[in-house]
Protein backbone atom coordinates (compact mmCIF):
# COMPACT_ATOMS: atom_id res chain seq x y z
CA MET A 1 35.25 -109.33 53.83
CA GLN A 2 36.18 -107.28 57.31
CA TYR A 3 39.95 -108.49 58.67
CA PHE A 4 40.66 -108.07 62.68
CA ASP A 5 44.12 -106.44 62.81
CA GLY A 6 44.79 -106.30 66.14
CA LEU A 7 47.33 -109.05 67.75
CA ILE A 8 46.14 -112.62 67.82
CA PRO A 9 47.61 -114.68 70.74
CA ILE A 10 49.16 -118.31 68.60
CA SER A 11 46.39 -120.11 71.23
CA TYR A 12 44.05 -119.06 68.95
CA LEU A 13 45.23 -120.76 66.22
CA ARG A 14 44.35 -124.61 68.28
CA GLN A 15 41.34 -122.91 69.20
CA TYR A 16 40.37 -122.25 65.29
CA ARG A 17 41.25 -125.57 64.70
CA PHE A 18 39.07 -127.02 67.00
CA CYS A 19 35.98 -125.06 66.62
CA SER A 20 36.49 -121.56 64.25
CA ARG A 21 34.52 -120.01 67.02
CA ILE A 22 36.97 -119.61 70.18
CA PRO A 23 38.38 -116.84 69.07
CA TRP A 24 35.08 -114.96 67.75
CA TYR A 25 33.35 -115.40 71.39
CA LYS A 26 37.02 -114.58 73.24
CA THR A 27 37.96 -111.51 70.86
CA ILE A 28 34.25 -110.07 69.29
CA MET A 29 31.55 -111.16 71.97
CA GLN A 30 34.48 -110.94 74.74
CA PHE A 31 32.94 -114.35 76.42
CA GLU A 32 34.58 -115.40 79.05
CA PRO A 33 33.60 -118.94 80.74
CA PRO A 34 33.71 -120.36 84.03
CA GLU A 35 37.19 -122.26 84.73
CA GLN A 36 36.38 -125.43 84.17
CA ALA A 37 38.45 -128.89 86.09
CA TRP A 38 40.15 -129.65 83.06
CA VAL A 39 41.48 -125.64 82.81
CA LYS A 40 42.23 -125.83 86.63
CA GLN A 41 44.24 -129.50 85.87
CA GLY A 42 46.35 -128.27 83.18
CA LYS A 43 47.49 -125.23 84.76
CA GLN A 44 48.44 -127.54 87.85
CA TRP A 45 50.15 -129.70 85.38
CA HIS A 46 51.87 -126.55 83.44
CA SER A 47 53.27 -125.48 87.01
CA THR A 48 54.64 -128.71 87.25
CA GLN A 49 56.59 -129.04 84.47
CA THR A 50 57.98 -125.12 84.79
CA GLN A 51 59.19 -126.39 88.09
CA LEU A 52 61.20 -129.47 86.39
CA HIS A 53 62.23 -127.99 83.19
CA LYS A 54 65.99 -127.35 84.83
CA LYS A 55 66.18 -130.80 84.66
CA ARG A 56 65.57 -131.27 80.99
CA LEU A 57 68.60 -131.98 79.02
CA ILE A 58 68.25 -130.22 75.22
CA LYS A 59 70.77 -132.70 73.64
CA GLU A 60 70.58 -130.81 69.95
CA LEU A 61 71.80 -127.49 70.82
CA ALA A 62 75.39 -126.63 71.50
CA PRO A 63 76.16 -124.40 74.73
CA PRO A 64 76.11 -122.11 76.23
CA LEU A 65 72.18 -122.70 76.49
CA LYS A 66 69.73 -119.96 77.74
CA ARG A 67 66.45 -121.57 78.64
CA LYS A 68 63.58 -119.86 79.42
CA THR A 69 59.64 -120.44 80.70
CA ASN A 70 56.91 -118.92 80.03
CA TYR A 71 58.81 -116.80 77.59
CA TYR A 72 57.04 -114.19 75.48
CA VAL A 73 57.34 -113.70 71.94
CA ARG A 74 55.84 -111.64 68.49
CA GLU A 75 55.25 -112.25 65.09
CA ASN A 76 54.83 -108.46 63.88
CA SER A 77 54.19 -109.85 60.07
CA LEU A 78 51.55 -112.58 61.01
CA GLY A 79 50.74 -110.27 64.21
CA LEU A 80 50.41 -113.20 66.13
CA HIS A 81 52.46 -113.15 69.65
CA GLY A 82 51.66 -115.44 72.61
CA TYR A 83 53.53 -116.71 75.62
CA ILE A 84 56.29 -120.33 74.84
CA ASP A 85 56.17 -122.95 77.73
CA GLU A 86 59.48 -123.37 77.45
CA ILE A 87 62.27 -122.70 75.10
CA SER A 88 66.20 -123.30 74.97
CA PHE A 89 68.59 -121.22 72.24
CA ASN A 90 71.85 -120.33 72.18
CA ALA A 91 73.47 -117.76 69.62
CA LYS A 92 72.28 -119.22 66.32
CA GLU A 93 69.10 -121.55 67.32
CA GLY A 94 66.47 -122.77 69.29
CA ILE A 95 63.92 -125.28 70.06
CA VAL A 96 60.91 -124.45 71.63
CA ILE A 97 58.91 -126.45 73.70
CA GLU A 98 55.13 -126.96 74.43
CA TYR A 99 53.28 -128.91 77.10
CA LYS A 100 50.11 -130.46 76.69
CA SER A 101 48.85 -132.57 79.58
CA ASP A 102 46.72 -135.20 77.34
CA THR A 103 48.54 -137.98 75.76
CA GLN A 104 47.14 -138.45 72.61
CA ALA A 105 49.47 -138.23 69.35
CA PRO A 106 49.59 -134.45 68.65
CA ASN A 107 46.56 -133.86 66.76
CA LYS A 108 46.91 -130.87 63.92
CA GLY A 109 45.84 -127.74 66.21
CA GLN A 110 48.85 -128.36 68.70
CA LYS A 111 51.10 -128.85 65.74
CA LEU A 112 50.25 -125.26 64.30
CA GLN A 113 50.30 -123.80 67.82
CA LEU A 114 53.87 -125.12 67.98
CA ALA A 115 54.54 -123.68 64.65
CA ALA A 116 53.73 -120.40 65.59
CA TYR A 117 55.91 -120.14 68.28
CA ALA A 118 58.54 -121.51 66.68
CA MET A 119 57.85 -118.98 63.82
CA ALA A 120 57.58 -115.82 66.29
CA ALA A 121 60.78 -116.76 68.11
CA GLU A 122 62.52 -117.21 65.15
CA ALA A 123 61.31 -113.23 64.41
CA TYR A 124 61.74 -112.04 67.59
CA LEU A 125 65.14 -113.85 68.96
CA GLY A 126 66.83 -113.39 65.13
CA ILE A 127 67.56 -117.26 66.05
CA ASN A 128 66.99 -120.64 63.58
CA ILE A 129 64.27 -122.26 64.49
CA GLN A 130 63.92 -125.77 62.76
CA GLN A 131 62.15 -127.73 65.63
CA GLY A 132 59.86 -127.94 68.32
CA VAL A 133 59.10 -130.55 70.86
CA LEU A 134 55.06 -131.03 71.85
CA LEU A 135 55.31 -132.80 75.92
CA LYS A 136 52.65 -134.29 76.90
CA GLY A 137 51.21 -136.24 79.79
CA SER A 138 53.19 -137.14 83.00
CA GLY A 139 56.11 -134.86 80.73
CA TYR A 140 57.74 -138.12 79.81
CA LYS A 141 55.91 -138.80 76.36
CA GLN A 142 57.51 -136.47 73.60
CA PHE A 143 56.95 -136.02 69.91
CA LYS A 144 59.46 -133.86 68.30
CA LEU A 145 58.10 -131.93 65.27
CA VAL A 146 60.04 -130.13 62.51
CA ILE A 147 58.92 -126.99 61.17
CA SER A 148 58.87 -127.87 57.63
CA ASN A 149 57.92 -124.57 55.46
CA THR A 150 54.28 -126.70 54.46
CA LEU A 151 53.92 -126.25 58.44
CA LYS A 152 54.75 -122.26 58.29
CA LEU A 153 52.47 -121.98 55.51
CA GLU A 154 49.60 -123.84 57.01
CA VAL A 155 50.54 -121.47 60.08
CA ILE A 156 49.94 -118.25 57.30
CA GLU A 157 47.35 -120.04 56.04
CA THR A 158 45.43 -120.72 59.13
CA THR A 159 45.98 -116.83 60.76
CA LYS A 160 44.27 -114.99 57.99
CA LYS A 161 41.30 -117.69 58.05
CA VAL A 162 41.41 -116.39 61.87
CA ARG A 163 41.52 -112.69 61.34
CA ALA A 164 38.55 -113.34 58.66
CA SER A 165 36.13 -114.62 61.05
CA MET A 166 37.36 -112.45 63.52
CA GLY A 167 36.53 -109.35 61.46
CA LYS A 168 32.95 -110.99 60.82
CA THR A 169 29.70 -109.11 62.74
CA SER A 170 27.93 -112.63 62.84
CA MET A 171 29.09 -115.77 64.35
CA PRO A 172 30.98 -117.58 62.30
CA ASN A 173 29.75 -121.28 60.95
CA SER A 174 30.95 -124.13 62.38
CA SER A 175 32.10 -127.72 61.46
CA ALA A 176 32.80 -129.35 65.20
CA GLN A 177 31.45 -132.70 65.24
CA ALA A 178 29.02 -132.90 68.16
CA ALA A 179 31.84 -134.65 70.39
CA GLN A 180 33.96 -131.39 70.36
CA CYS A 181 30.84 -129.68 71.43
CA ILE A 182 30.35 -132.00 74.29
CA GLN A 183 33.56 -130.96 75.72
CA CYS A 184 33.52 -127.14 74.88
CA GLU A 185 32.80 -124.00 77.73
CA TYR A 186 31.27 -121.90 74.62
CA LEU A 187 28.92 -124.70 73.78
CA ARG A 188 25.88 -122.55 75.94
CA TYR A 189 26.64 -119.73 73.76
CA CYS A 190 26.82 -121.67 70.41
CA ASN A 191 23.10 -124.20 71.32
CA ASP A 192 22.52 -124.68 68.03
CA ARG A 193 24.28 -128.54 68.25
C-alpha cells in the first residue's frame, strides 16, 4: 500500500473522521467546492473570537504568559502542521484553544484535532501541553480536554489512516451516513448516496 508522504493539515484528522473521502478529494483530486454559507458564518465567528481573546484569562498557567492566535505549528515526526486558533503558554507549559461555532458536546474528530494541535505545539515550542479547550457556540461554552496518552495514540493511528487513504489512486470507501452526506460540500463528487 502506498502512503502519502507530504505534510498533512491537522484539520484533515477531523475531516477524515467525518468522511474518509474529504482529505483525498482535497489533496489528490484538488477539489475545492464553492464556499458554503456555514463556512462563511464560521469564518465570521472565528474573527469575533480572535477579537475577544485578549479578554480571556487562563488561570491554569503561571505568568508571564504569551498568547497567540492563528499560530502556526508543525509536528515533523508525524508530518502534521496547521494553525492553532489560540494558544497561551509560558516557558514550561501551555493550553491550546480551538474555536468551534457549534454548541454540541465535542465529537471524536474535534477531540483528535485539538489533541493533534497540542502534540504539534509541544514539539514546536518544546513545552508540555496536557490540556486543551474547545470553545463553542457563543464562546462561553468551554469543553476542557485532557490530552491523554490514549488520545495521542488515536491521533497517531488516524494520521496513518489518512496517509494510507491519500496514497490511493482510487476514491476511498466511506462509512458516512446519509445525514452526514446531506451536509457535506463534496456530495456532488461522490454521488453514491
